[in-house]
Amino acid sequence: MVEDGRPFCPKCRAPQVRVQPAGPAPDIAGEKDGRESSFGKVVSERPDYTRGAIGDNPALRATLTAGILGVLIGMIPLLGSVLIGVLAVYLYRRGGGSQPAASSGARMGAAAGAIAGALSALLFIVQVVVFHAQQEYQDQMLRVLRAFGASAAEAEAAVQRALSPAGLTLSALFGIVIFAGLAAIGGAVAAALRTGSRS
């Protein structure tokens, strides 16, 4: 009989410690893919790197679509900007989004209005600078200013300031703010009215 703790028999040198196999190795491929492995069902799956794309985000998709269409809708004075926010909430719900709160509707509307305002300002600057429509806009502005009682010299100076690079930049920023503000109101109202009708 061999004493406990001796790794080998003193007579025949046979090993006294025997290691039992722990079982089959885990299925690494199954574990990565989320398939059935030797340990059972693996819950974690391979990360989906496409999540967060524009196509998978109803709010972002609705905001961008409403902002682009808002270039045309915004041609309606004041009301058009409000309708941009309403359109953003409508497209969000139609695209599978849940019922937004009024604050969420306002944010989507403001973002869509800012996009529409920026695109409209860009188109205006391109028309004035690239297509040389500056004289046409200058004549229109002069007529408006003269109709409000400005003298010829005052109207001319105001038009020159408005069509300068700084004036165009300020006008663009002002337009974006107006678009975003009115569209935020439209988005908030659309979300609130929808919530009220369902309660």
Protein backbone atom coordinates (compact mmCIF):
# COMPACT_ATOMS: atom_id res chain seq x y z
CA MET A 1 0.00 0.00 0.00
CA VAL A 2 1.32 3.46 -0.97
CA GLU A 3 1.25 6.23 1.63
CA ASP A 4 -1.01 9.20 1.01
CA GLY A 5 0.66 12.14 -0.68
CA ARG A 6 3.25 10.08 -2.59
CA PRO A 7 2.98 10.80 -6.31
CA PHE A 8 4.65 7.50 -7.34
CA CYS A 9 4.76 3.98 -6.02
CA PRO A 10 8.22 3.41 -4.43
CA LYS A 11 8.40 -0.09 -5.93
CA CYS A 12 7.04 0.19 -9.49
CA ARG A 13 7.14 3.96 -9.90
CA ALA A 14 3.50 4.03 -11.09
CA PRO A 15 1.86 7.47 -10.75
CA GLN A 16 -0.65 7.68 -7.91
CA VAL A 17 -2.37 10.93 -8.96
CA ARG A 18 -4.87 10.59 -11.76
CA VAL A 19 -6.57 13.61 -13.35
CA GLN A 20 -10.13 13.19 -14.58
CA PRO A 21 -11.10 15.23 -17.71
CA ALA A 22 -13.44 18.10 -16.83
CA GLY A 23 -15.69 17.49 -19.82
CA PRO A 24 -15.89 18.74 -23.38
CA ALA A 25 -14.47 22.17 -24.13
CA PRO A 26 -17.00 24.99 -24.56
CA ASP A 27 -18.17 25.76 -28.04
CA ILE A 28 -16.43 29.09 -28.59
CA ALA A 29 -18.01 29.68 -32.00
CA GLY A 30 -21.46 29.03 -30.59
CA GLU A 31 -20.77 31.37 -27.71
CA LYS A 32 -19.83 34.20 -30.08
CA ASP A 33 -22.80 33.72 -32.36
CA GLY A 34 -25.35 33.28 -29.59
CA ARG A 35 -26.06 29.65 -30.63
CA GLU A 36 -26.43 26.58 -28.41
CA SER A 37 -23.09 25.65 -26.81
CA SER A 38 -21.99 22.87 -24.46
CA PHE A 39 -23.05 25.03 -21.50
CA GLY A 40 -26.57 25.61 -22.85
CA LYS A 41 -28.09 28.63 -24.53
CA VAL A 42 -25.76 31.62 -24.67
CA VAL A 43 -27.70 34.82 -24.03
CA SER A 44 -25.20 37.35 -25.31
CA GLU A 45 -24.99 37.71 -29.05
CA ARG A 46 -22.52 39.27 -31.42
CA PRO A 47 -22.80 43.07 -31.24
CA ASP A 48 -24.86 44.70 -33.96
CA TYR A 49 -22.72 47.52 -35.33
CA THR A 50 -25.55 48.79 -37.53
CA ARG A 51 -27.61 49.96 -34.56
CA GLY A 52 -27.92 53.70 -34.23
CA ALA A 53 -27.90 54.26 -38.00
CA ILE A 54 -30.29 56.81 -39.44
CA GLY A 55 -32.52 54.12 -40.90
CA ASP A 56 -32.99 52.52 -37.47
CA ASN A 57 -33.79 55.78 -35.66
CA PRO A 58 -37.40 56.89 -36.29
CA ALA A 59 -36.92 60.29 -34.62
CA LEU A 60 -33.81 61.17 -36.61
CA ARG A 61 -35.32 59.92 -39.85
CA ALA A 62 -38.54 61.90 -39.30
CA THR A 63 -36.61 65.03 -38.35
CA LEU A 64 -34.38 64.94 -41.43
CA THR A 65 -37.29 64.21 -43.78
CA ALA A 66 -39.43 67.00 -42.31
CA GLY A 67 -36.49 69.40 -42.46
CA ILE A 68 -35.84 68.71 -46.14
CA LEU A 69 -39.52 68.93 -47.08
CA GLY A 70 -39.73 72.02 -44.93
CA VAL A 71 -37.80 73.99 -47.51
CA LEU A 72 -40.95 73.92 -49.63
CA ILE A 73 -43.46 74.06 -46.76
CA GLY A 74 -41.63 77.00 -45.22
CA MET A 75 -42.48 79.15 -48.22
CA ILE A 76 -45.89 79.66 -46.57
CA PRO A 77 -45.32 82.65 -44.28
CA LEU A 78 -45.24 81.72 -40.56
CA LEU A 79 -47.75 78.87 -40.85
CA GLY A 80 -45.35 76.88 -43.01
CA SER A 81 -42.74 76.86 -40.26
CA VAL A 82 -45.30 75.61 -37.74
CA LEU A 83 -46.34 72.84 -40.14
CA ILE A 84 -42.74 71.62 -40.30
CA GLY A 85 -42.95 70.63 -36.63
CA VAL A 86 -46.33 69.00 -37.15
CA LEU A 87 -44.90 67.02 -40.07
CA ALA A 88 -41.91 65.84 -38.00
CA VAL A 89 -44.20 64.37 -35.31
CA TYR A 90 -46.47 62.81 -37.94
CA LEU A 91 -43.56 61.15 -39.74
CA TYR A 92 -42.14 59.93 -36.43
CA ARG A 93 -45.38 58.18 -35.52
CA ARG A 94 -45.84 56.81 -39.02
CA GLY A 95 -42.28 55.43 -38.96
CA GLY A 96 -42.99 53.25 -35.94
CA GLY A 97 -42.12 55.61 -33.10
CA SER A 98 -44.14 55.62 -29.90
CA GLN A 99 -46.38 58.51 -28.91
CA PRO A 100 -43.97 61.41 -28.16
CA ALA A 101 -44.42 63.77 -25.25
CA ALA A 102 -44.93 67.44 -26.00
CA SER A 103 -41.31 68.18 -25.08
CA SER A 104 -40.04 65.50 -27.47
CA GLY A 105 -42.31 66.83 -30.21
CA ALA A 106 -40.93 70.32 -29.61
CA ARG A 107 -37.35 69.06 -29.90
CA MET A 108 -38.05 67.18 -33.13
CA GLY A 109 -39.89 70.20 -34.52
CA ALA A 110 -37.07 72.58 -33.58
CA ALA A 111 -34.45 70.34 -35.17
CA ALA A 112 -36.51 69.95 -38.37
CA GLY A 113 -37.13 73.71 -38.47
CA ALA A 114 -33.43 74.44 -38.03
CA ILE A 115 -32.61 72.11 -40.92
CA ALA A 116 -35.25 73.72 -43.13
CA GLY A 117 -34.06 77.21 -42.16
CA ALA A 118 -30.43 76.36 -42.87
CA LEU A 119 -31.26 74.86 -46.27
CA SER A 120 -33.48 77.82 -47.17
CA ALA A 121 -30.74 80.28 -46.19
CA LEU A 122 -28.21 78.32 -48.21
CA LEU A 123 -30.45 78.36 -51.29
CA PHE A 124 -31.00 82.10 -50.89
CA ILE A 125 -27.25 82.80 -50.65
CA VAL A 126 -26.57 80.59 -53.67
CA GLN A 127 -29.19 82.48 -55.68
CA VAL A 128 -27.74 85.85 -54.71
CA VAL A 129 -24.06 85.01 -55.07
CA VAL A 130 -23.85 82.27 -57.70
CA PHE A 131 -26.77 83.16 -59.96
CA HIS A 132 -26.23 86.92 -59.60
CA ALA A 133 -29.79 87.63 -58.44
CA GLN A 134 -28.52 90.36 -56.15
CA GLN A 135 -29.95 93.20 -58.25
CA GLU A 136 -33.41 91.61 -58.27
CA TYR A 137 -33.47 91.24 -54.48
CA GLN A 138 -32.04 94.71 -54.08
CA ASP A 139 -34.87 96.21 -56.14
CA GLN A 140 -37.48 94.28 -54.15
CA MET A 141 -36.04 95.39 -50.82
CA LEU A 142 -35.85 98.99 -51.99
CA ARG A 143 -39.53 98.94 -52.95
CA VAL A 144 -40.50 97.49 -49.55
CA LEU A 145 -38.41 100.00 -47.61
CA ARG A 146 -39.73 102.93 -49.64
CA ALA A 147 -43.27 101.69 -49.02
CA PHE A 148 -42.60 101.91 -45.27
CA GLY A 149 -41.53 105.53 -45.61
CA ALA A 150 -37.74 105.24 -45.78
CA SER A 151 -35.92 107.80 -47.87
CA ALA A 152 -34.00 106.74 -50.96
CA ALA A 153 -30.63 107.14 -49.22
CA GLU A 154 -31.74 105.24 -46.11
CA ALA A 155 -33.22 102.44 -48.17
CA GLU A 156 -30.07 102.16 -50.29
CA ALA A 157 -27.84 101.97 -47.21
CA ALA A 158 -30.07 99.35 -45.57
CA VAL A 159 -30.04 97.19 -48.69
CA GLN A 160 -26.25 97.37 -48.98
CA ARG A 161 -25.89 96.27 -45.35
CA ALA A 162 -28.36 93.43 -45.81
CA LEU A 163 -26.63 92.07 -48.92
CA SER A 164 -23.13 92.29 -47.46
CA PRO A 165 -21.49 89.02 -46.21
CA ALA A 166 -22.17 90.00 -42.60
CA GLY A 167 -25.73 90.95 -43.42
CA LEU A 168 -26.39 87.69 -45.25
CA THR A 169 -24.94 85.71 -42.32
CA LEU A 170 -27.12 87.52 -39.80
CA SER A 171 -30.17 87.08 -41.99
CA ALA A 172 -29.46 83.36 -42.30
CA LEU A 173 -29.07 82.94 -38.53
CA PHE A 174 -32.22 84.94 -37.87
CA GLY A 175 -34.15 82.82 -40.35
CA ILE A 176 -32.91 79.58 -38.76
CA VAL A 177 -33.99 80.78 -35.30
CA ILE A 178 -37.44 81.76 -36.57
CA PHE A 179 -37.89 78.46 -38.40
CA ALA A 180 -36.77 76.43 -35.37
CA GLY A 181 -38.93 78.35 -32.91
CA LEU A 182 -42.14 78.13 -34.90
CA ALA A 183 -41.53 74.47 -35.81
CA ALA A 184 -40.93 73.65 -32.13
CA ILE A 185 -44.37 75.08 -31.36
CA GLY A 186 -45.89 72.99 -34.12
CA GLY A 187 -44.20 69.80 -32.90
CA ALA A 188 -45.27 70.39 -29.29
CA VAL A 189 -48.87 71.10 -30.28
CA ALA A 190 -49.05 68.05 -32.56
CA ALA A 191 -47.72 65.76 -29.84
CA ALA A 192 -49.97 67.27 -27.16
CA LEU A 193 -53.12 67.09 -29.28
CA ARG A 194 -52.43 63.46 -30.17
CA THR A 195 -51.90 62.61 -26.52
CA GLY A 196 -55.09 64.38 -25.54
CA SER A 197 -57.13 62.55 -28.15
CA ARG A 198 -55.92 59.16 -26.88
CA SER A 199 -56.61 59.88 -23.18
